Amino acid sequence: MISLKEFLKIDLRTATIVEVKDHPNADRLYLMKVDLGNEIKQCCAGIKSHYSKEELTGKKVVVVANLEPAMLRGEKSEVMLLAAVTERDEDIVLLQPEKELSNGVKVR
C-alpha cells in the first residue's frame, strides 16, 4: 500500500508518440520520441509484438513523466508508457485518454 501523498509524487501526463524507430540493440524494443507539450522525451518500450510503428506514430498515450531516466540496452529512456498488461504479457494495451486533450495535461 502507498499513501495518497506518495501517489501524488507520480507525474502522469498525456502525450503523443511522434516518432518510432527500432531500438538499435534490442529486438523487442522500440525507441520512441514522446511529445509532452513543453518538451519531447525519449522512451524505450518492449511493445514490438503488440504494436506496429504505424499504429504508434501519432497515438495519444498516458506516461509517467517524472520517472528517473534509465539506460536500456545503451539508449536513454526518460518516460514510461502506461499500459494494461495480462499475465505473461500476452496482451499489452496502451492507456489513452477517452477524449482529445492537449499534450502535457495532468492525469490523476
Protein backbone atom coordinates (compact mmCIF):
# COMPACT_ATOMS: atom_id res chain seq x y z
CA MET A 1 0.00 0.00 0.00
CA ILE A 2 1.13 3.53 -0.70
CA SER A 3 -0.28 6.72 0.72
CA LEU A 4 -2.05 9.36 -1.34
CA LYS A 5 0.92 11.64 -0.65
CA GLU A 6 3.26 9.07 -2.24
CA PHE A 7 0.92 8.52 -5.21
CA LEU A 8 0.75 12.25 -5.91
CA LYS A 9 4.53 12.27 -6.45
CA ILE A 10 3.92 10.37 -9.70
CA ASP A 11 3.54 12.86 -12.56
CA LEU A 12 1.13 11.26 -15.03
CA ARG A 13 0.67 13.25 -18.24
CA THR A 14 -0.99 12.99 -21.62
CA ALA A 15 1.44 12.78 -24.52
CA THR A 16 1.67 11.96 -28.21
CA ILE A 17 4.12 9.50 -29.72
CA VAL A 18 5.75 11.49 -32.51
CA GLU A 19 8.50 9.13 -33.69
CA VAL A 20 9.03 5.36 -33.52
CA LYS A 21 12.21 3.51 -34.50
CA ASP A 22 13.59 0.06 -33.91
CA HIS A 23 15.92 0.00 -30.91
CA PRO A 24 19.43 -0.49 -32.32
CA ASN A 25 20.44 -3.03 -29.64
CA ALA A 26 17.24 -4.92 -28.79
CA ASP A 27 14.89 -6.91 -31.00
CA ARG A 28 11.81 -6.50 -28.76
CA LEU A 29 12.14 -2.76 -28.04
CA TYR A 30 11.05 0.37 -29.85
CA LEU A 31 12.81 3.68 -29.37
CA MET A 32 10.23 6.49 -29.36
CA LYS A 33 10.03 10.25 -29.07
CA VAL A 34 7.08 11.39 -26.94
CA ASP A 35 5.71 14.95 -27.02
CA LEU A 36 4.71 16.15 -23.54
CA GLY A 37 3.60 19.58 -24.73
CA ASN A 38 6.51 21.57 -23.31
CA GLU A 39 9.23 19.05 -24.19
CA ILE A 40 9.97 15.88 -26.12
CA LYS A 41 11.39 12.91 -24.23
CA GLN A 42 12.72 9.56 -25.32
CA CYS A 43 11.13 6.26 -24.33
CA CYS A 44 12.17 2.62 -24.78
CA ALA A 45 9.30 0.13 -24.67
CA GLY A 46 9.02 -3.60 -25.25
CA ILE A 47 5.83 -3.49 -27.28
CA LYS A 48 7.04 -4.54 -30.74
CA SER A 49 4.99 -7.73 -30.76
CA HIS A 50 1.81 -5.78 -29.91
CA TYR A 51 2.01 -2.58 -31.99
CA SER A 52 3.46 -1.62 -35.36
CA LYS A 53 5.39 1.62 -35.82
CA GLU A 54 2.48 2.95 -37.87
CA GLU A 55 -0.06 2.19 -35.11
CA LEU A 56 2.07 4.01 -32.55
CA THR A 57 3.01 7.12 -34.52
CA GLY A 58 0.57 9.88 -33.58
CA LYS A 59 -1.06 7.85 -30.80
CA LYS A 60 -2.15 9.78 -27.71
CA VAL A 61 -0.96 7.99 -24.55
CA VAL A 62 -0.53 8.42 -20.81
CA VAL A 63 3.02 8.45 -19.44
CA VAL A 64 4.89 8.69 -16.18
CA ALA A 65 6.69 11.97 -16.91
CA ASN A 66 8.94 12.21 -13.85
CA LEU A 67 10.49 8.76 -13.91
CA GLU A 68 14.21 8.65 -13.23
CA PRO A 69 15.93 8.13 -16.61
CA ALA A 70 17.29 4.65 -17.24
CA MET A 71 19.64 3.20 -19.84
CA LEU A 72 18.04 0.30 -21.70
CA ARG A 73 20.48 -1.54 -23.93
CA GLY A 74 22.54 1.62 -24.41
CA GLU A 75 19.64 4.03 -25.03
CA LYS A 76 18.14 6.50 -22.55
CA SER A 77 14.51 6.02 -21.52
CA GLU A 78 13.04 9.09 -19.80
CA VAL A 79 9.32 8.29 -19.56
CA MET A 80 7.19 5.17 -19.16
CA LEU A 81 4.12 4.47 -21.26
CA LEU A 82 1.21 3.20 -19.17
CA ALA A 83 -0.46 0.02 -20.37
CA ALA A 84 -2.84 -2.69 -19.24
CA VAL A 85 -0.90 -5.97 -19.30
CA THR A 86 -2.22 -9.50 -18.93
CA GLU A 87 -0.29 -12.35 -17.31
CA ARG A 88 2.84 -13.34 -19.22
CA ASP A 89 2.46 -10.19 -21.39
CA GLU A 90 0.02 -11.97 -23.74
CA ASP A 91 -1.84 -8.71 -24.29
CA ILE A 92 -0.48 -5.20 -23.85
CA VAL A 93 -2.87 -2.30 -24.41
CA LEU A 94 -1.63 1.27 -24.10
CA LEU A 95 -3.78 3.56 -21.96
CA GLN A 96 -5.07 6.62 -23.76
CA PRO A 97 -7.43 9.48 -22.97
CA GLU A 98 -11.06 8.92 -23.90
CA LYS A 99 -11.35 12.43 -25.38
CA GLU A 100 -8.90 14.62 -27.27
CA LEU A 101 -6.66 16.55 -24.89
CA SER A 102 -3.54 18.66 -25.30
CA ASN A 103 -0.18 17.09 -24.57
CA GLY A 104 1.01 17.59 -21.02
CA VAL A 105 -2.37 17.52 -19.28
CA LYS A 106 -2.03 16.09 -15.76
CA VAL A 107 -3.68 12.74 -15.11
CA ARG A 108 -4.82 11.84 -11.59
